Amino acid sequence: KAISRAELQKAMELHMTSIAEVIPSLLKHYLIRSTESDCKDDFKNDGIGDVIKKSENIIQKLLQEIATDIPFAVDEVFSRVHSDENGSIDEEEWEKAWHRY
């Protein structure tokens, strides 16, 4: 099956959406565990809720920046692999690019 630029971009956007949904939960879990362990002193000036909120905001901004770069990432992949006459790449080329980058 051939993969078009639009299909690759959509797949990457869906991947980022999934990541954006999972990371805040992982972060919250990590921070709560950290306050129960040796890292407790790191949070003495800020309440855990404030730390979680600040961290979530930073991560969301970072993920938004990455998401805006998806079209550039797609262009990069297509510039480095062989595309067919329709401007698509086959799954084998995509697999090679995925492992290379």
N, C-alpha and C. Protein backbone atom coordinates (compact mmCIF):
# COMPACT_ATOMS: atom_id res chain seq x y z
N LYS A 1 0.85 -1.18 0.00
CA LYS A 1 0.00 0.00 0.00
C LYS A 1 0.89 1.24 0.00
N ALA A 2 0.52 2.19 -0.78
CA ALA A 2 1.25 3.46 -0.84
C ALA A 2 0.72 4.40 0.25
N ILE A 3 1.64 5.18 0.79
CA ILE A 3 1.29 6.14 1.85
C ILE A 3 1.53 7.54 1.30
N SER A 4 0.50 8.35 1.31
CA SER A 4 0.62 9.72 0.81
C SER A 4 1.10 10.64 1.93
N ARG A 5 1.51 11.83 1.54
CA ARG A 5 1.92 12.83 2.53
C ARG A 5 0.77 13.12 3.51
N ALA A 6 -0.43 13.26 2.98
CA ALA A 6 -1.59 13.56 3.82
C ALA A 6 -1.87 12.44 4.81
N GLU A 7 -1.73 11.19 4.37
CA GLU A 7 -1.96 10.05 5.26
C GLU A 7 -0.90 9.99 6.36
N LEU A 8 0.34 10.25 5.99
CA LEU A 8 1.41 10.24 6.99
C LEU A 8 1.22 11.37 7.98
N GLN A 9 0.86 12.54 7.49
CA GLN A 9 0.64 13.67 8.39
C GLN A 9 -0.51 13.37 9.35
N LYS A 10 -1.60 12.82 8.85
CA LYS A 10 -2.74 12.49 9.69
C LYS A 10 -2.35 11.46 10.75
N ALA A 11 -1.58 10.45 10.36
CA ALA A 11 -1.15 9.42 11.31
C ALA A 11 -0.27 10.03 12.40
N MET A 12 0.62 10.92 12.01
CA MET A 12 1.50 11.57 13.00
C MET A 12 0.69 12.47 13.93
N GLU A 13 -0.31 13.15 13.41
CA GLU A 13 -1.16 13.99 14.24
C GLU A 13 -1.96 13.16 15.24
N LEU A 14 -2.47 12.01 14.81
CA LEU A 14 -3.19 11.12 15.72
C LEU A 14 -2.27 10.59 16.81
N HIS A 15 -1.04 10.28 16.42
CA HIS A 15 -0.05 9.81 17.38
C HIS A 15 0.22 10.89 18.44
N MET A 16 0.37 12.12 18.02
CA MET A 16 0.60 13.23 18.95
C MET A 16 -0.61 13.44 19.86
N THR A 17 -1.80 13.28 19.33
CA THR A 17 -3.01 13.41 20.15
C THR A 17 -3.02 12.35 21.25
N SER A 18 -2.65 11.14 20.89
CA SER A 18 -2.59 10.06 21.89
C SER A 18 -1.56 10.37 22.96
N ILE A 19 -0.41 10.83 22.53
CA ILE A 19 0.65 11.18 23.48
C ILE A 19 0.18 12.29 24.41
N ALA A 20 -0.48 13.29 23.84
CA ALA A 20 -0.95 14.43 24.64
C ALA A 20 -1.98 14.01 25.67
N GLU A 21 -2.69 12.94 25.42
CA GLU A 21 -3.68 12.46 26.39
C GLU A 21 -3.04 11.62 27.50
N VAL A 22 -1.96 10.93 27.20
CA VAL A 22 -1.35 10.01 28.15
C VAL A 22 -0.33 10.69 29.06
N ILE A 23 0.48 11.57 28.52
CA ILE A 23 1.58 12.16 29.28
C ILE A 23 1.13 12.88 30.55
N PRO A 24 0.09 13.69 30.53
CA PRO A 24 -0.31 14.35 31.78
C PRO A 24 -0.63 13.36 32.91
N SER A 25 -1.27 12.26 32.57
CA SER A 25 -1.57 11.24 33.59
C SER A 25 -0.29 10.61 34.13
N LEU A 26 0.64 10.31 33.25
CA LEU A 26 1.91 9.74 33.69
C LEU A 26 2.67 10.73 34.56
N LEU A 27 2.67 11.99 34.16
CA LEU A 27 3.35 13.03 34.93
C LEU A 27 2.75 13.15 36.33
N LYS A 28 1.43 13.20 36.39
CA LYS A 28 0.77 13.33 37.69
C LYS A 28 1.12 12.15 38.58
N HIS A 29 1.08 10.96 38.04
CA HIS A 29 1.42 9.76 38.80
C HIS A 29 2.86 9.83 39.29
N TYR A 30 3.78 10.23 38.41
CA TYR A 30 5.19 10.35 38.77
C TYR A 30 5.39 11.38 39.88
N LEU A 31 4.78 12.54 39.74
CA LEU A 31 4.97 13.59 40.74
C LEU A 31 4.39 13.19 42.10
N ILE A 32 3.26 12.54 42.09
CA ILE A 32 2.68 12.09 43.35
C ILE A 32 3.60 11.06 44.02
N ARG A 33 4.11 10.13 43.23
CA ARG A 33 5.04 9.15 43.79
C ARG A 33 6.31 9.81 44.28
N SER A 34 6.78 10.83 43.56
CA SER A 34 8.01 11.52 43.95
C SER A 34 7.86 12.23 45.28
N THR A 35 6.68 12.77 45.54
CA THR A 35 6.47 13.47 46.81
C THR A 35 6.41 12.50 47.97
N GLU A 36 6.17 11.24 47.67
CA GLU A 36 6.12 10.22 48.71
C GLU A 36 7.48 9.57 48.94
N SER A 37 8.48 9.96 48.15
CA SER A 37 9.79 9.32 48.25
C SER A 37 10.86 10.36 48.61
N ASP A 38 12.07 10.09 48.16
CA ASP A 38 13.21 10.94 48.47
C ASP A 38 13.14 12.34 47.87
N CYS A 39 12.28 12.55 46.90
CA CYS A 39 12.20 13.84 46.21
C CYS A 39 11.30 14.84 46.94
N LYS A 40 10.82 14.49 48.09
CA LYS A 40 9.85 15.32 48.80
C LYS A 40 10.34 16.75 48.98
N ASP A 41 11.62 16.93 49.29
CA ASP A 41 12.17 18.27 49.51
C ASP A 41 12.11 19.14 48.25
N ASP A 42 12.11 18.52 47.06
CA ASP A 42 12.05 19.28 45.81
C ASP A 42 10.73 20.03 45.67
N PHE A 43 9.71 19.61 46.40
CA PHE A 43 8.38 20.19 46.27
C PHE A 43 7.97 21.00 47.49
N LYS A 44 8.91 21.28 48.39
CA LYS A 44 8.55 21.92 49.66
C LYS A 44 8.03 23.33 49.49
N ASN A 45 8.47 24.06 48.46
CA ASN A 45 8.03 25.45 48.27
C ASN A 45 6.71 25.55 47.50
N ASP A 46 6.44 24.57 46.68
CA ASP A 46 5.19 24.56 45.90
C ASP A 46 4.34 23.37 46.34
N GLY A 47 3.07 23.58 46.38
CA GLY A 47 2.19 22.45 46.64
C GLY A 47 2.21 21.52 45.44
N ILE A 48 1.92 20.25 45.66
CA ILE A 48 1.96 19.27 44.57
C ILE A 48 0.98 19.65 43.46
N GLY A 49 -0.16 20.22 43.81
CA GLY A 49 -1.12 20.64 42.78
C GLY A 49 -0.55 21.71 41.87
N ASP A 50 0.19 22.66 42.46
CA ASP A 50 0.82 23.72 41.66
C ASP A 50 1.91 23.15 40.76
N VAL A 51 2.69 22.22 41.30
CA VAL A 51 3.75 21.60 40.51
C VAL A 51 3.15 20.83 39.34
N ILE A 52 2.10 20.08 39.59
CA ILE A 52 1.45 19.31 38.53
C ILE A 52 0.90 20.26 37.46
N LYS A 53 0.22 21.32 37.88
CA LYS A 53 -0.37 22.26 36.92
C LYS A 53 0.71 22.93 36.07
N LYS A 54 1.78 23.40 36.72
CA LYS A 54 2.87 24.04 35.97
C LYS A 54 3.50 23.06 34.99
N SER A 55 3.72 21.84 35.43
CA SER A 55 4.33 20.82 34.58
C SER A 55 3.43 20.47 33.40
N GLU A 56 2.14 20.33 33.66
CA GLU A 56 1.19 20.04 32.57
C GLU A 56 1.19 21.16 31.54
N ASN A 57 1.23 22.41 31.99
CA ASN A 57 1.26 23.54 31.06
C ASN A 57 2.51 23.52 30.19
N ILE A 58 3.65 23.23 30.79
CA ILE A 58 4.90 23.17 30.04
C ILE A 58 4.83 22.06 29.00
N ILE A 59 4.35 20.89 29.41
CA ILE A 59 4.25 19.76 28.48
C ILE A 59 3.28 20.06 27.35
N GLN A 60 2.14 20.66 27.66
CA GLN A 60 1.17 20.99 26.62
C GLN A 60 1.75 21.96 25.59
N LYS A 61 2.49 22.97 26.07
CA LYS A 61 3.12 23.91 25.15
C LYS A 61 4.13 23.21 24.27
N LEU A 62 4.93 22.33 24.86
CA LEU A 62 5.92 21.59 24.09
C LEU A 62 5.26 20.71 23.05
N LEU A 63 4.21 20.00 23.43
CA LEU A 63 3.51 19.13 22.49
C LEU A 63 2.87 19.94 21.36
N GLN A 64 2.37 21.12 21.67
CA GLN A 64 1.80 21.99 20.63
C GLN A 64 2.88 22.42 19.64
N GLU A 65 4.06 22.74 20.15
CA GLU A 65 5.16 23.12 19.26
C GLU A 65 5.56 21.95 18.36
N ILE A 66 5.63 20.76 18.94
CA ILE A 66 5.97 19.58 18.15
C ILE A 66 4.90 19.34 17.09
N ALA A 67 3.65 19.47 17.47
CA ALA A 67 2.55 19.24 16.52
C ALA A 67 2.61 20.19 15.35
N THR A 68 3.03 21.43 15.57
CA THR A 68 3.12 22.38 14.45
C THR A 68 4.25 22.01 13.50
N ASP A 69 5.20 21.19 13.97
CA ASP A 69 6.32 20.77 13.13
C ASP A 69 6.03 19.50 12.34
N ILE A 70 4.87 18.90 12.53
CA ILE A 70 4.56 17.65 11.83
C ILE A 70 4.65 17.80 10.31
N PRO A 71 4.11 18.85 9.70
CA PRO A 71 4.26 18.96 8.25
C PRO A 71 5.73 19.00 7.80
N PHE A 72 6.58 19.62 8.59
CA PHE A 72 8.01 19.65 8.27
C PHE A 72 8.63 18.26 8.40
N ALA A 73 8.18 17.51 9.41
CA ALA A 73 8.68 16.15 9.58
C ALA A 73 8.27 15.27 8.41
N VAL A 74 7.05 15.43 7.95
CA VAL A 74 6.57 14.67 6.79
C VAL A 74 7.41 15.03 5.56
N ASP A 75 7.65 16.32 5.35
CA ASP A 75 8.50 16.74 4.23
C ASP A 75 9.89 16.13 4.33
N GLU A 76 10.43 16.08 5.54
CA GLU A 76 11.76 15.51 5.75
C GLU A 76 11.79 14.03 5.39
N VAL A 77 10.78 13.29 5.84
CA VAL A 77 10.70 11.87 5.51
C VAL A 77 10.63 11.68 4.00
N PHE A 78 9.77 12.43 3.35
CA PHE A 78 9.59 12.27 1.91
C PHE A 78 10.82 12.74 1.12
N SER A 79 11.58 13.66 1.67
CA SER A 79 12.78 14.11 0.95
C SER A 79 13.90 13.08 1.03
N ARG A 80 13.83 12.19 2.00
CA ARG A 80 14.91 11.22 2.20
C ARG A 80 14.59 9.81 1.70
N VAL A 81 13.39 9.59 1.23
CA VAL A 81 13.03 8.26 0.74
C VAL A 81 12.57 8.37 -0.71
N HIS A 82 12.53 7.24 -1.37
CA HIS A 82 12.08 7.20 -2.76
C HIS A 82 10.56 7.20 -2.80
N SER A 83 10.00 8.16 -3.50
CA SER A 83 8.54 8.18 -3.65
C SER A 83 8.19 7.81 -5.08
N ASP A 84 6.98 7.30 -5.27
CA ASP A 84 6.54 6.90 -6.60
C ASP A 84 6.07 8.11 -7.41
N GLU A 85 5.59 7.85 -8.59
CA GLU A 85 5.17 8.93 -9.49
C GLU A 85 4.00 9.74 -8.94
N ASN A 86 3.26 9.17 -8.01
CA ASN A 86 2.14 9.88 -7.39
C ASN A 86 2.58 10.66 -6.15
N GLY A 87 3.87 10.60 -5.83
CA GLY A 87 4.37 11.30 -4.65
C GLY A 87 4.10 10.55 -3.36
N SER A 88 3.83 9.26 -3.46
CA SER A 88 3.58 8.44 -2.27
C SER A 88 4.79 7.54 -2.02
N ILE A 89 4.87 7.01 -0.82
CA ILE A 89 5.91 6.04 -0.50
C ILE A 89 5.24 4.73 -0.12
N ASP A 90 5.94 3.63 -0.36
CA ASP A 90 5.35 2.35 0.02
C ASP A 90 5.70 2.06 1.48
N GLU A 91 5.04 1.05 2.02
CA GLU A 91 5.22 0.73 3.44
C GLU A 91 6.66 0.35 3.76
N GLU A 92 7.32 -0.31 2.82
CA GLU A 92 8.72 -0.70 3.05
C GLU A 92 9.61 0.54 3.20
N GLU A 93 9.40 1.54 2.34
CA GLU A 93 10.16 2.78 2.46
C GLU A 93 9.86 3.49 3.77
N TRP A 94 8.59 3.50 4.15
CA TRP A 94 8.21 4.12 5.43
C TRP A 94 8.89 3.39 6.60
N GLU A 95 8.87 2.07 6.55
CA GLU A 95 9.50 1.27 7.61
C GLU A 95 10.99 1.60 7.73
N LYS A 96 11.66 1.71 6.60
CA LYS A 96 13.09 2.07 6.62
C LYS A 96 13.29 3.46 7.22
N ALA A 97 12.47 4.40 6.80
CA ALA A 97 12.59 5.77 7.31
C ALA A 97 12.31 5.81 8.81
N TRP A 98 11.33 5.06 9.27
CA TRP A 98 10.96 5.04 10.67
C TRP A 98 12.14 4.56 11.53
N HIS A 99 12.80 3.50 11.06
CA HIS A 99 13.93 2.94 11.82
C HIS A 99 15.17 3.83 11.72
N ARG A 100 15.31 4.52 10.62
CA ARG A 100 16.47 5.38 10.41
C ARG A 100 16.40 6.65 11.25
N TYR A 101 15.21 7.17 11.42
CA TYR A 101 15.07 8.47 12.11
C TYR A 101 14.40 8.28 13.43
